[in-house]
Amino acid sequence: MWLLLASGIALFVALDGPRFFTVEAIKSHADVLLSFAAEHKLAAIMLIAAAYILAAALTLPIGGVLALASGFLFGRWTSLVIIVLSGTIGATLALLEARYLFADAARARLGPRGQQIDAGIRRNAFSYMLFLRVVPFPFVLVNLAAALSSIPLRVFVSATLIGLIPGAFVYSTVGETLGQIESMSDIVSVRVLGSLAAVGVLVLLPVLVSRNSPDR
């Protein structure tokens, strides 16, 4: 498994993958991409979905660009479905990889303190996981953190599926106006980050209230 993961990342770097997955690259090939998507829509959807799944599973930092490209090629709503479903599948694969490769060893090093933290997280696993997905924390780090915990797979999948929707909506909507974007930093504005953070706090509010309840 380690060899497969390392080979995928090495191949991406060796082929100069980062150069092709930029906003500038999409804009410079816009006509070709739009023409292909129009003539072979199903194939184009399957290709971008597969790329998104692989990017998430291999922890490649190109998910944002793929999400923008999806919005640009297929429109807001189709893109939203592609991003959420592909992102959930890719994140689940990344979780399973991390648990198989090093989660047990990492938990053993954390010791009793780690077990105590994990027990607290597990009690409100869905709310915590939903919070981490809604608030724009790094996708890879959220997957790794979940892998180190004992969050049930079904909770991880359901919270990821729901939690990806707000961010996916932002990327899909912005992707429709790709011509107005110069770089990824144009998307990550203070207003967008603040809005997602506010939604995340609302998601976590019931947990905070229950933790401070006098009945506990």
N, C-alpha and C. Protein backbone atom coordinates (compact mmCIF):
# COMPACT_ATOMS: atom_id res chain seq x y z
N MET A 1 0.82 -1.22 0.00
CA MET A 1 0.00 0.00 0.00
C MET A 1 0.85 1.27 0.00
N TRP A 2 1.90 1.25 0.86
CA TRP A 2 2.82 2.39 0.86
C TRP A 2 3.41 2.62 -0.53
N LEU A 3 3.82 1.51 -1.19
CA LEU A 3 4.45 1.60 -2.50
C LEU A 3 3.49 2.17 -3.53
N LEU A 4 2.23 1.75 -3.47
CA LEU A 4 1.22 2.24 -4.42
C LEU A 4 0.97 3.72 -4.23
N LEU A 5 0.85 4.15 -2.97
CA LEU A 5 0.60 5.56 -2.68
C LEU A 5 1.78 6.43 -3.11
N ALA A 6 2.99 5.99 -2.76
CA ALA A 6 4.19 6.75 -3.11
C ALA A 6 4.39 6.80 -4.62
N SER A 7 4.07 5.71 -5.30
CA SER A 7 4.22 5.66 -6.76
C SER A 7 3.27 6.63 -7.44
N GLY A 8 2.04 6.71 -6.94
CA GLY A 8 1.07 7.63 -7.52
C GLY A 8 1.50 9.08 -7.38
N ILE A 9 1.98 9.43 -6.20
CA ILE A 9 2.44 10.81 -5.97
C ILE A 9 3.68 11.11 -6.80
N ALA A 10 4.61 10.15 -6.83
CA ALA A 10 5.84 10.36 -7.59
C ALA A 10 5.55 10.52 -9.09
N LEU A 11 4.62 9.73 -9.60
CA LEU A 11 4.25 9.82 -11.02
C LEU A 11 3.64 11.18 -11.32
N PHE A 12 2.80 11.67 -10.43
CA PHE A 12 2.18 12.98 -10.61
C PHE A 12 3.24 14.07 -10.69
N VAL A 13 4.22 14.02 -9.79
CA VAL A 13 5.29 15.02 -9.78
C VAL A 13 6.19 14.87 -11.00
N ALA A 14 6.52 13.62 -11.35
CA ALA A 14 7.42 13.37 -12.47
C ALA A 14 6.83 13.86 -13.79
N LEU A 15 5.52 13.76 -13.92
CA LEU A 15 4.85 14.20 -15.15
C LEU A 15 4.53 15.69 -15.12
N ASP A 16 5.06 16.37 -14.09
CA ASP A 16 4.84 17.82 -13.94
C ASP A 16 3.37 18.14 -13.81
N GLY A 17 2.66 17.27 -13.05
CA GLY A 17 1.23 17.45 -12.86
C GLY A 17 0.79 18.80 -12.35
N PRO A 18 1.50 19.37 -11.35
CA PRO A 18 1.06 20.67 -10.82
C PRO A 18 0.96 21.76 -11.88
N ARG A 19 1.77 21.67 -12.93
CA ARG A 19 1.75 22.70 -13.98
C ARG A 19 0.45 22.68 -14.78
N PHE A 20 -0.17 21.49 -14.87
CA PHE A 20 -1.39 21.36 -15.68
C PHE A 20 -2.66 21.64 -14.88
N PHE A 21 -2.57 21.59 -13.57
CA PHE A 21 -3.76 21.79 -12.74
C PHE A 21 -3.71 23.15 -12.05
N THR A 22 -3.85 24.17 -12.87
CA THR A 22 -3.89 25.55 -12.38
C THR A 22 -5.04 26.28 -13.06
N VAL A 23 -5.44 27.38 -12.48
CA VAL A 23 -6.51 28.19 -13.08
C VAL A 23 -6.06 28.68 -14.46
N GLU A 24 -4.80 29.07 -14.57
CA GLU A 24 -4.28 29.57 -15.84
C GLU A 24 -4.33 28.50 -16.93
N ALA A 25 -4.01 27.26 -16.57
CA ALA A 25 -4.03 26.16 -17.54
C ALA A 25 -5.44 25.89 -18.04
N ILE A 26 -6.41 25.93 -17.14
CA ILE A 26 -7.80 25.71 -17.54
C ILE A 26 -8.26 26.82 -18.48
N LYS A 27 -7.94 28.05 -18.14
CA LYS A 27 -8.36 29.18 -18.96
C LYS A 27 -7.70 29.15 -20.34
N SER A 28 -6.45 28.75 -20.39
CA SER A 28 -5.75 28.73 -21.68
C SER A 28 -6.24 27.61 -22.60
N HIS A 29 -6.85 26.59 -22.02
CA HIS A 29 -7.39 25.48 -22.82
C HIS A 29 -8.93 25.43 -22.75
N ALA A 30 -9.53 26.57 -22.44
CA ALA A 30 -10.97 26.62 -22.21
C ALA A 30 -11.78 26.13 -23.40
N ASP A 31 -11.41 26.57 -24.60
CA ASP A 31 -12.19 26.20 -25.79
C ASP A 31 -12.16 24.70 -26.03
N VAL A 32 -10.98 24.10 -25.88
CA VAL A 32 -10.84 22.65 -26.10
C VAL A 32 -11.64 21.88 -25.05
N LEU A 33 -11.54 22.31 -23.80
CA LEU A 33 -12.24 21.63 -22.71
C LEU A 33 -13.75 21.73 -22.88
N LEU A 34 -14.24 22.92 -23.23
CA LEU A 34 -15.67 23.11 -23.41
C LEU A 34 -16.19 22.29 -24.59
N SER A 35 -15.42 22.23 -25.65
CA SER A 35 -15.83 21.47 -26.83
C SER A 35 -15.91 19.98 -26.50
N PHE A 36 -14.92 19.47 -25.78
CA PHE A 36 -14.93 18.06 -25.42
C PHE A 36 -16.10 17.74 -24.49
N ALA A 37 -16.33 18.62 -23.52
CA ALA A 37 -17.42 18.39 -22.56
C ALA A 37 -18.78 18.43 -23.25
N ALA A 38 -18.91 19.27 -24.28
CA ALA A 38 -20.18 19.36 -25.00
C ALA A 38 -20.43 18.13 -25.87
N GLU A 39 -19.38 17.61 -26.49
CA GLU A 39 -19.51 16.47 -27.40
C GLU A 39 -19.52 15.13 -26.67
N HIS A 40 -18.85 15.08 -25.53
CA HIS A 40 -18.73 13.82 -24.77
C HIS A 40 -19.01 14.09 -23.29
N LYS A 41 -20.22 14.52 -23.01
CA LYS A 41 -20.52 15.00 -21.65
C LYS A 41 -20.34 13.92 -20.60
N LEU A 42 -20.87 12.73 -20.85
CA LEU A 42 -20.78 11.66 -19.86
C LEU A 42 -19.32 11.26 -19.62
N ALA A 43 -18.55 11.14 -20.69
CA ALA A 43 -17.14 10.79 -20.56
C ALA A 43 -16.38 11.87 -19.80
N ALA A 44 -16.70 13.12 -20.09
CA ALA A 44 -16.04 14.24 -19.41
C ALA A 44 -16.36 14.23 -17.91
N ILE A 45 -17.61 13.95 -17.58
CA ILE A 45 -18.00 13.88 -16.17
C ILE A 45 -17.27 12.75 -15.47
N MET A 46 -17.19 11.61 -16.13
CA MET A 46 -16.51 10.46 -15.53
C MET A 46 -15.02 10.73 -15.34
N LEU A 47 -14.41 11.42 -16.30
CA LEU A 47 -12.98 11.73 -16.21
C LEU A 47 -12.68 12.68 -15.06
N ILE A 48 -13.48 13.73 -14.94
CA ILE A 48 -13.19 14.70 -13.89
C ILE A 48 -13.54 14.12 -12.52
N ALA A 49 -14.56 13.26 -12.46
CA ALA A 49 -14.90 12.60 -11.20
C ALA A 49 -13.77 11.65 -10.78
N ALA A 50 -13.24 10.89 -11.74
CA ALA A 50 -12.14 9.97 -11.45
C ALA A 50 -10.90 10.73 -11.00
N ALA A 51 -10.62 11.86 -11.66
CA ALA A 51 -9.47 12.68 -11.27
C ALA A 51 -9.62 13.22 -9.86
N TYR A 52 -10.84 13.62 -9.52
CA TYR A 52 -11.11 14.17 -8.18
C TYR A 52 -10.94 13.08 -7.12
N ILE A 53 -11.43 11.89 -7.42
CA ILE A 53 -11.30 10.77 -6.47
C ILE A 53 -9.83 10.43 -6.25
N LEU A 54 -9.07 10.34 -7.34
CA LEU A 54 -7.65 10.02 -7.23
C LEU A 54 -6.89 11.10 -6.48
N ALA A 55 -7.23 12.36 -6.76
CA ALA A 55 -6.55 13.46 -6.07
C ALA A 55 -6.77 13.39 -4.57
N ALA A 56 -8.01 13.10 -4.17
CA ALA A 56 -8.31 13.00 -2.74
C ALA A 56 -7.65 11.77 -2.13
N ALA A 57 -7.71 10.65 -2.83
CA ALA A 57 -7.15 9.40 -2.30
C ALA A 57 -5.63 9.47 -2.18
N LEU A 58 -4.98 10.16 -3.11
CA LEU A 58 -3.52 10.26 -3.11
C LEU A 58 -3.01 11.53 -2.43
N THR A 59 -3.92 12.29 -1.85
CA THR A 59 -3.61 13.56 -1.15
C THR A 59 -2.89 14.55 -2.06
N LEU A 60 -3.31 14.64 -3.31
CA LEU A 60 -2.73 15.60 -4.25
C LEU A 60 -3.46 16.94 -4.11
N PRO A 61 -2.74 18.05 -4.07
CA PRO A 61 -3.35 19.36 -3.81
C PRO A 61 -3.97 20.01 -5.05
N ILE A 62 -4.86 19.30 -5.72
CA ILE A 62 -5.44 19.85 -6.95
C ILE A 62 -6.97 19.82 -6.91
N GLY A 63 -7.53 19.49 -5.75
CA GLY A 63 -8.98 19.39 -5.65
C GLY A 63 -9.70 20.69 -5.97
N GLY A 64 -9.15 21.81 -5.50
CA GLY A 64 -9.79 23.10 -5.74
C GLY A 64 -9.86 23.44 -7.22
N VAL A 65 -8.79 23.19 -7.93
CA VAL A 65 -8.75 23.47 -9.37
C VAL A 65 -9.72 22.57 -10.12
N LEU A 66 -9.77 21.30 -9.73
CA LEU A 66 -10.71 20.38 -10.37
C LEU A 66 -12.16 20.80 -10.11
N ALA A 67 -12.43 21.29 -8.91
CA ALA A 67 -13.78 21.75 -8.58
C ALA A 67 -14.16 22.95 -9.44
N LEU A 68 -13.23 23.88 -9.61
CA LEU A 68 -13.49 25.04 -10.47
C LEU A 68 -13.72 24.60 -11.92
N ALA A 69 -12.89 23.68 -12.39
CA ALA A 69 -13.04 23.19 -13.76
C ALA A 69 -14.38 22.52 -13.95
N SER A 70 -14.82 21.79 -12.94
CA SER A 70 -16.13 21.13 -13.01
C SER A 70 -17.25 22.15 -13.13
N GLY A 71 -17.19 23.20 -12.32
CA GLY A 71 -18.20 24.25 -12.41
C GLY A 71 -18.19 24.95 -13.75
N PHE A 72 -17.00 25.17 -14.28
CA PHE A 72 -16.84 25.83 -15.57
C PHE A 72 -17.41 24.99 -16.72
N LEU A 73 -17.19 23.68 -16.66
CA LEU A 73 -17.59 22.80 -17.76
C LEU A 73 -19.04 22.35 -17.69
N PHE A 74 -19.54 22.14 -16.47
CA PHE A 74 -20.86 21.51 -16.34
C PHE A 74 -21.90 22.36 -15.64
N GLY A 75 -21.53 23.52 -15.16
CA GLY A 75 -22.50 24.35 -14.47
C GLY A 75 -22.58 24.02 -12.99
N ARG A 76 -23.27 24.89 -12.27
CA ARG A 76 -23.30 24.83 -10.81
C ARG A 76 -23.82 23.52 -10.26
N TRP A 77 -24.97 23.08 -10.70
CA TRP A 77 -25.65 21.97 -10.02
C TRP A 77 -25.05 20.61 -10.36
N THR A 78 -24.73 20.40 -11.63
CA THR A 78 -24.06 19.15 -11.99
C THR A 78 -22.70 19.06 -11.31
N SER A 79 -22.00 20.17 -11.30
CA SER A 79 -20.69 20.21 -10.66
C SER A 79 -20.80 19.94 -9.16
N LEU A 80 -21.81 20.48 -8.53
CA LEU A 80 -22.01 20.26 -7.09
C LEU A 80 -22.11 18.77 -6.79
N VAL A 81 -22.88 18.06 -7.59
CA VAL A 81 -23.04 16.60 -7.39
C VAL A 81 -21.71 15.88 -7.60
N ILE A 82 -20.99 16.27 -8.66
CA ILE A 82 -19.70 15.64 -8.96
C ILE A 82 -18.73 15.83 -7.81
N ILE A 83 -18.61 17.05 -7.33
CA ILE A 83 -17.63 17.36 -6.27
C ILE A 83 -17.97 16.63 -4.98
N VAL A 84 -19.23 16.66 -4.60
CA VAL A 84 -19.63 16.06 -3.31
C VAL A 84 -19.45 14.54 -3.35
N LEU A 85 -19.94 13.90 -4.40
CA LEU A 85 -19.83 12.44 -4.49
C LEU A 85 -18.37 11.99 -4.65
N SER A 86 -17.65 12.64 -5.55
CA SER A 86 -16.25 12.26 -5.78
C SER A 86 -15.39 12.57 -4.56
N GLY A 87 -15.64 13.72 -3.95
CA GLY A 87 -14.89 14.08 -2.75
C GLY A 87 -15.12 13.11 -1.62
N THR A 88 -16.36 12.65 -1.47
CA THR A 88 -16.68 11.69 -0.42
C THR A 88 -16.00 10.34 -0.66
N ILE A 89 -16.04 9.88 -1.90
CA ILE A 89 -15.38 8.61 -2.24
C ILE A 89 -13.87 8.71 -2.02
N GLY A 90 -13.28 9.80 -2.52
CA GLY A 90 -11.84 9.98 -2.37
C GLY A 90 -11.41 10.10 -0.92
N ALA A 91 -12.19 10.84 -0.13
CA ALA A 91 -11.87 10.99 1.29
C ALA A 91 -11.97 9.66 2.02
N THR A 92 -12.96 8.87 1.66
CA THR A 92 -13.12 7.55 2.29
C THR A 92 -11.95 6.64 1.97
N LEU A 93 -11.48 6.68 0.72
CA LEU A 93 -10.30 5.90 0.35
C LEU A 93 -9.07 6.36 1.12
N ALA A 94 -8.93 7.68 1.28
CA ALA A 94 -7.79 8.22 2.03
C ALA A 94 -7.85 7.79 3.49
N LEU A 95 -9.05 7.79 4.07
CA LEU A 95 -9.22 7.34 5.45
C LEU A 95 -8.81 5.89 5.61
N LEU A 96 -9.28 5.04 4.71
CA LEU A 96 -8.96 3.62 4.78
C LEU A 96 -7.46 3.37 4.59
N GLU A 97 -6.84 4.12 3.68
CA GLU A 97 -5.40 4.01 3.47
C GLU A 97 -4.65 4.34 4.76
N ALA A 98 -5.00 5.49 5.36
CA ALA A 98 -4.29 5.94 6.56
C ALA A 98 -4.49 4.97 7.72
N ARG A 99 -5.70 4.45 7.87
CA ARG A 99 -5.95 3.49 8.96
C ARG A 99 -5.17 2.20 8.74
N TYR A 100 -5.04 1.80 7.50
CA TYR A 100 -4.31 0.57 7.20
C TYR A 100 -2.80 0.75 7.39
N LEU A 101 -2.29 1.94 7.03
CA LEU A 101 -0.84 2.14 7.00
C LEU A 101 -0.24 2.49 8.36
N PHE A 102 -0.86 3.43 9.08
CA PHE A 102 -0.17 3.89 10.28
C PHE A 102 -1.05 4.28 11.46
N ALA A 103 -2.36 4.16 11.34
CA ALA A 103 -3.24 4.63 12.41
C ALA A 103 -2.99 3.89 13.73
N ASP A 104 -2.85 2.58 13.69
CA ASP A 104 -2.66 1.81 14.92
C ASP A 104 -1.38 2.22 15.64
N ALA A 105 -0.30 2.39 14.89
CA ALA A 105 0.97 2.79 15.49
C ALA A 105 0.88 4.19 16.09
N ALA A 106 0.18 5.09 15.40
CA ALA A 106 0.04 6.45 15.91
C ALA A 106 -0.79 6.48 17.19
N ARG A 107 -1.86 5.71 17.23
CA ARG A 107 -2.69 5.65 18.43
C ARG A 107 -1.90 5.11 19.61
N ALA A 108 -1.07 4.10 19.36
CA ALA A 108 -0.26 3.52 20.43
C ALA A 108 0.70 4.55 21.01
N ARG A 109 1.26 5.40 20.16
CA ARG A 109 2.19 6.44 20.63
C ARG A 109 1.47 7.51 21.43
N LEU A 110 0.22 7.78 21.11
CA LEU A 110 -0.54 8.80 21.85
C LEU A 110 -0.90 8.33 23.26
N GLY A 111 -1.04 7.03 23.43
CA GLY A 111 -1.26 6.47 24.76
C GLY A 111 -2.63 6.78 25.34
N PRO A 112 -2.75 6.74 26.70
CA PRO A 112 -4.04 6.95 27.38
C PRO A 112 -4.68 8.31 27.07
N ARG A 113 -3.85 9.34 26.95
CA ARG A 113 -4.39 10.67 26.66
C ARG A 113 -5.09 10.67 25.31
N GLY A 114 -4.49 10.02 24.34
CA GLY A 114 -5.10 9.92 23.03
C GLY A 114 -6.40 9.15 23.07
N GLN A 115 -6.45 8.10 23.86
CA GLN A 115 -7.68 7.31 24.01
C GLN A 115 -8.79 8.14 24.64
N GLN A 116 -8.42 8.99 25.58
CA GLN A 116 -9.41 9.85 26.24
C GLN A 116 -10.00 10.85 25.26
N ILE A 117 -9.11 11.45 24.47
CA ILE A 117 -9.58 12.42 23.46
C ILE A 117 -10.47 11.72 22.44
N ASP A 118 -10.05 10.54 22.02
CA ASP A 118 -10.81 9.79 21.02
C ASP A 118 -12.20 9.43 21.54
N ALA A 119 -12.29 9.08 22.83
CA ALA A 119 -13.58 8.74 23.42
C ALA A 119 -14.51 9.95 23.40
N GLY A 120 -13.96 11.14 23.68
CA GLY A 120 -14.78 12.35 23.65
C GLY A 120 -15.26 12.68 22.26
N ILE A 121 -14.39 12.49 21.28
CA ILE A 121 -14.77 12.74 19.88
C ILE A 121 -15.83 11.75 19.43
N ARG A 122 -15.67 10.51 19.81
CA ARG A 122 -16.59 9.46 19.36
C ARG A 122 -18.02 9.71 19.86
N ARG A 123 -18.16 10.31 21.05
CA ARG A 123 -19.50 10.57 21.59
C ARG A 123 -20.29 11.52 20.70
N ASN A 124 -19.59 12.45 20.05
CA ASN A 124 -20.26 13.41 19.16
C ASN A 124 -19.60 13.37 17.79
N ALA A 125 -19.32 12.17 17.31
CA ALA A 125 -18.51 12.00 16.11
C ALA A 125 -19.10 12.71 14.89
N PHE A 126 -20.40 12.59 14.69
CA PHE A 126 -21.01 13.19 13.50
C PHE A 126 -20.88 14.71 13.53
N SER A 127 -21.17 15.32 14.68
CA SER A 127 -21.09 16.79 14.78
C SER A 127 -19.67 17.29 14.57
N TYR A 128 -18.70 16.63 15.19
CA TYR A 128 -17.30 17.04 15.02
C TYR A 128 -16.86 16.88 13.57
N MET A 129 -17.22 15.76 12.96
CA MET A 129 -16.81 15.51 11.58
C MET A 129 -17.48 16.50 10.63
N LEU A 130 -18.74 16.79 10.87
CA LEU A 130 -19.46 17.75 10.04
C LEU A 130 -18.83 19.13 10.16
N PHE A 131 -18.45 19.51 11.37
CA PHE A 131 -17.79 20.80 11.61
C PHE A 131 -16.49 20.90 10.81
N LEU A 132 -15.68 19.84 10.86
CA LEU A 132 -14.39 19.85 10.16
C LEU A 132 -14.56 19.90 8.65
N ARG A 133 -15.67 19.38 8.15
CA ARG A 133 -15.91 19.42 6.71
C ARG A 133 -16.46 20.77 6.25
N VAL A 134 -17.33 21.35 7.05
CA VAL A 134 -17.94 22.62 6.65
C VAL A 134 -16.92 23.75 6.71
N VAL A 135 -16.20 23.83 7.83
CA VAL A 135 -15.16 24.85 7.96
C VAL A 135 -14.00 24.46 7.05
N PRO A 136 -13.44 25.42 6.31
CA PRO A 136 -12.42 25.06 5.30
C PRO A 136 -11.05 24.71 5.88
N PHE A 137 -11.00 23.65 6.69
CA PHE A 137 -9.72 23.10 7.11
C PHE A 137 -9.13 22.32 5.92
N PRO A 138 -7.81 22.15 5.89
CA PRO A 138 -7.21 21.37 4.79
C PRO A 138 -7.82 19.98 4.70
N PHE A 139 -8.25 19.63 3.51
CA PHE A 139 -8.96 18.37 3.26
C PHE A 139 -8.14 17.17 3.71
N VAL A 140 -6.85 17.19 3.39
CA VAL A 140 -5.97 16.07 3.71
C VAL A 140 -5.84 15.90 5.22
N LEU A 141 -5.68 17.01 5.95
CA LEU A 141 -5.50 16.93 7.39
C LEU A 141 -6.75 16.40 8.09
N VAL A 142 -7.91 16.76 7.58
CA VAL A 142 -9.16 16.25 8.16
C VAL A 142 -9.25 14.74 7.99
N ASN A 143 -8.87 14.27 6.81
CA ASN A 143 -8.88 12.82 6.56
C ASN A 143 -7.93 12.10 7.50
N LEU A 144 -6.73 12.66 7.68
CA LEU A 144 -5.74 12.04 8.56
C LEU A 144 -6.19 12.05 10.01
N ALA A 145 -6.76 13.18 10.46
CA ALA A 145 -7.24 13.26 11.83
C ALA A 145 -8.34 12.24 12.09
N ALA A 146 -9.23 12.09 11.13
CA ALA A 146 -10.31 11.10 11.28
C ALA A 146 -9.76 9.69 11.30
N ALA A 147 -8.70 9.45 10.53
CA ALA A 147 -8.11 8.11 10.48
C ALA A 147 -7.50 7.73 11.83
N LEU A 148 -6.98 8.71 12.55
CA LEU A 148 -6.36 8.44 13.86
C LEU A 148 -7.40 8.21 14.95
N SER A 149 -8.62 8.62 14.69
CA SER A 149 -9.70 8.42 15.65
C SER A 149 -10.41 7.10 15.36
N SER A 150 -11.38 6.79 16.21
CA SER A 150 -12.17 5.57 15.97
C SER A 150 -13.56 5.92 15.46
N ILE A 151 -13.68 7.06 14.78
CA ILE A 151 -14.95 7.45 14.18
C ILE A 151 -15.42 6.34 13.24
N PRO A 152 -16.64 5.85 13.40
CA PRO A 152 -17.14 4.79 12.51
C PRO A 152 -17.15 5.24 11.05
N LEU A 153 -16.90 4.32 10.16
CA LEU A 153 -16.84 4.65 8.74
C LEU A 153 -18.14 5.26 8.25
N ARG A 154 -19.28 4.73 8.68
CA ARG A 154 -20.57 5.26 8.21
C ARG A 154 -20.77 6.71 8.64
N VAL A 155 -20.28 7.05 9.84
CA VAL A 155 -20.38 8.44 10.32
C VAL A 155 -19.47 9.34 9.50
N PHE A 156 -18.26 8.88 9.23
CA PHE A 156 -17.32 9.64 8.41
C PHE A 156 -17.91 9.92 7.04
N VAL A 157 -18.47 8.90 6.41
CA VAL A 157 -19.02 9.04 5.06
C VAL A 157 -20.21 9.99 5.05
N SER A 158 -21.15 9.81 5.97
CA SER A 158 -22.35 10.65 5.98
C SER A 158 -22.03 12.11 6.31
N ALA A 159 -21.13 12.33 7.27
CA ALA A 159 -20.76 13.71 7.62
C ALA A 159 -19.98 14.38 6.49
N THR A 160 -19.14 13.62 5.82
CA THR A 160 -18.39 14.16 4.69
C THR A 160 -19.34 14.50 3.54
N LEU A 161 -20.27 13.62 3.25
CA LEU A 161 -21.22 13.83 2.17
C LEU A 161 -22.01 15.13 2.38
N ILE A 162 -22.45 15.35 3.59
CA ILE A 162 -23.24 16.56 3.89
C ILE A 162 -22.33 17.78 4.03
N GLY A 163 -21.21 17.59 4.73
CA GLY A 163 -20.33 18.71 5.03
C GLY A 163 -19.63 19.32 3.83
N LEU A 164 -19.46 18.56 2.76
CA LEU A 164 -18.80 19.08 1.57
C LEU A 164 -19.71 20.00 0.74
N ILE A 165 -21.00 19.95 1.01
CA ILE A 165 -21.95 20.68 0.15
C ILE A 165 -21.71 22.20 0.14
N PRO A 166 -21.55 22.88 1.29
CA PRO A 166 -21.36 24.34 1.22
C PRO A 166 -20.13 24.75 0.43
N GLY A 167 -18.99 24.12 0.69
CA GLY A 167 -17.78 24.46 -0.05
C GLY A 167 -17.89 24.11 -1.52
N ALA A 168 -18.50 22.98 -1.82
CA ALA A 168 -18.68 22.57 -3.21
C ALA A 168 -19.57 23.57 -3.95
N PHE A 169 -20.57 24.08 -3.26
CA PHE A 169 -21.46 25.08 -3.88
C PHE A 169 -20.68 26.34 -4.23
N VAL A 170 -19.79 26.76 -3.34
CA VAL A 170 -18.98 27.95 -3.59
C VAL A 170 -18.10 27.74 -4.82
N TYR A 171 -17.38 26.63 -4.86
CA TYR A 171 -16.47 26.36 -5.98
C TYR A 171 -17.24 26.20 -7.29
N SER A 172 -18.38 25.52 -7.25
CA SER A 172 -19.17 25.31 -8.47
C SER A 172 -19.69 26.63 -9.01
N THR A 173 -20.16 27.48 -8.11
CA THR A 173 -20.70 28.78 -8.52
C THR A 173 -19.61 29.67 -9.08
N VAL A 174 -18.47 29.72 -8.41
CA VAL A 174 -17.36 30.54 -8.88
C VAL A 174 -16.81 29.98 -10.20
N GLY A 175 -16.82 28.66 -10.33
CA GLY A 175 -16.31 28.04 -11.54
C GLY A 175 -17.07 28.46 -12.79
N GLU A 176 -18.35 28.77 -12.62
CA GLU A 176 -19.15 29.22 -13.77
C GLU A 176 -18.62 30.53 -14.35
N THR A 177 -17.93 31.30 -13.52
CA THR A 177 -17.38 32.59 -13.96
C THR A 177 -15.86 32.53 -13.95
N LEU A 178 -15.32 31.47 -14.47
CA LEU A 178 -13.87 31.23 -14.41
C LEU A 178 -13.07 32.35 -15.06
N GLY A 179 -13.66 32.99 -16.04
CA GLY A 179 -12.93 34.05 -16.74
C GLY A 179 -12.58 35.22 -15.85
N GLN A 180 -13.28 35.38 -14.73
CA GLN A 180 -13.02 36.49 -13.81
C GLN A 180 -12.03 36.14 -12.72
N ILE A 181 -11.52 34.89 -12.73
CA ILE A 181 -10.61 34.43 -11.68
C ILE A 181 -9.19 34.38 -12.22
N GLU A 182 -8.26 34.94 -11.47
CA GLU A 182 -6.86 34.92 -11.87
C GLU A 182 -6.07 33.84 -11.14
N SER A 183 -6.46 33.53 -9.91
CA SER A 183 -5.76 32.50 -9.14
C SER A 183 -6.70 31.96 -8.07
N MET A 184 -6.26 30.90 -7.36
CA MET A 184 -7.07 30.30 -6.32
C MET A 184 -7.33 31.27 -5.17
N SER A 185 -6.42 32.22 -4.97
CA SER A 185 -6.59 33.18 -3.87
C SER A 185 -7.79 34.09 -4.08
N ASP A 186 -8.26 34.20 -5.32
CA ASP A 186 -9.44 35.02 -5.59
C ASP A 186 -10.71 34.41 -5.01
N ILE A 187 -10.68 33.11 -4.74
CA ILE A 187 -11.86 32.42 -4.23
C ILE A 187 -11.89 32.46 -2.71
N VAL A 188 -10.72 32.28 -2.11
CA VAL A 188 -10.64 32.16 -0.66
C VAL A 188 -10.63 33.56 -0.04
N SER A 189 -11.75 34.24 -0.13
CA SER A 189 -11.88 35.58 0.44
C SER A 189 -12.26 35.49 1.91
N VAL A 190 -12.08 36.60 2.60
CA VAL A 190 -12.45 36.65 4.02
C VAL A 190 -13.94 36.41 4.19
N ARG A 191 -14.74 36.92 3.28
CA ARG A 191 -16.19 36.74 3.38
C ARG A 191 -16.58 35.27 3.25
N VAL A 192 -15.99 34.58 2.28
CA VAL A 192 -16.31 33.17 2.08
C VAL A 192 -15.86 32.34 3.27
N LEU A 193 -14.62 32.57 3.73
CA LEU A 193 -14.11 31.82 4.87
C LEU A 193 -14.94 32.10 6.12
N GLY A 194 -15.32 33.36 6.31
CA GLY A 194 -16.14 33.71 7.47
C GLY A 194 -17.50 33.06 7.43
N SER A 195 -18.10 32.99 6.25
CA SER A 195 -19.43 32.37 6.11
C SER A 195 -19.37 30.88 6.42
N LEU A 196 -18.36 30.20 5.89
CA LEU A 196 -18.23 28.77 6.15
C LEU A 196 -17.91 28.50 7.61
N ALA A 197 -17.09 29.37 8.21
CA ALA A 197 -16.78 29.20 9.63
C ALA A 197 -18.03 29.39 10.49
N ALA A 198 -18.87 30.35 10.11
CA ALA A 198 -20.10 30.58 10.87
C ALA A 198 -21.03 29.38 10.79
N VAL A 199 -21.13 28.78 9.61
CA VAL A 199 -21.94 27.56 9.47
C VAL A 199 -21.36 26.45 10.33
N GLY A 200 -20.04 26.34 10.35
CA GLY A 200 -19.39 25.33 11.16
C GLY A 200 -19.67 25.49 12.65
N VAL A 201 -19.66 26.72 13.12
CA VAL A 201 -19.96 26.98 14.53
C VAL A 201 -21.40 26.59 14.86
N LEU A 202 -22.30 26.87 13.95
CA LEU A 202 -23.70 26.48 14.16
C LEU A 202 -23.84 24.97 14.24
N VAL A 203 -23.06 24.27 13.40
CA VAL A 203 -23.09 22.80 13.42
C VAL A 203 -22.61 22.28 14.77
N LEU A 204 -21.60 22.94 15.33
CA LEU A 204 -20.98 22.46 16.57
C LEU A 204 -21.70 22.97 17.82
N LEU A 205 -22.60 23.92 17.64
CA LEU A 205 -23.27 24.54 18.79
C LEU A 205 -23.97 23.54 19.72
N PRO A 206 -24.74 22.57 19.20
CA PRO A 206 -25.39 21.61 20.10
C PRO A 206 -24.39 20.85 20.97
N VAL A 207 -23.22 20.53 20.43
CA VAL A 207 -22.20 19.83 21.20
C VAL A 207 -21.67 20.71 22.32
N LEU A 208 -21.42 21.99 22.00
CA LEU A 208 -20.91 22.92 23.01
C LEU A 208 -21.92 23.14 24.12
N VAL A 209 -23.18 23.22 23.74
CA VAL A 209 -24.24 23.41 24.75
C VAL A 209 -24.34 22.19 25.67
N SER A 210 -24.29 21.00 25.07
CA SER A 210 -24.42 19.78 25.87
C SER A 210 -23.22 19.59 26.80
N ARG A 211 -22.04 20.01 26.35
CA ARG A 211 -20.84 19.87 27.18
C ARG A 211 -20.88 20.77 28.39
N ASN A 212 -21.57 21.91 28.24
CA ASN A 212 -21.63 22.87 29.35
C ASN A 212 -22.95 22.79 30.12
N SER A 213 -23.75 21.79 29.80
CA SER A 213 -25.02 21.63 30.50
C SER A 213 -24.79 21.23 31.96
N PRO A 214 -25.53 21.82 32.91
CA PRO A 214 -25.36 21.47 34.33
C PRO A 214 -25.71 20.03 34.64
N ASP A 215 -26.42 19.36 33.72
CA ASP A 215 -26.79 17.95 33.96
C ASP A 215 -25.63 17.01 33.71
N ARG A 216 -24.56 17.51 33.07
CA ARG A 216 -23.44 16.63 32.75
C ARG A 216 -22.48 16.55 33.92
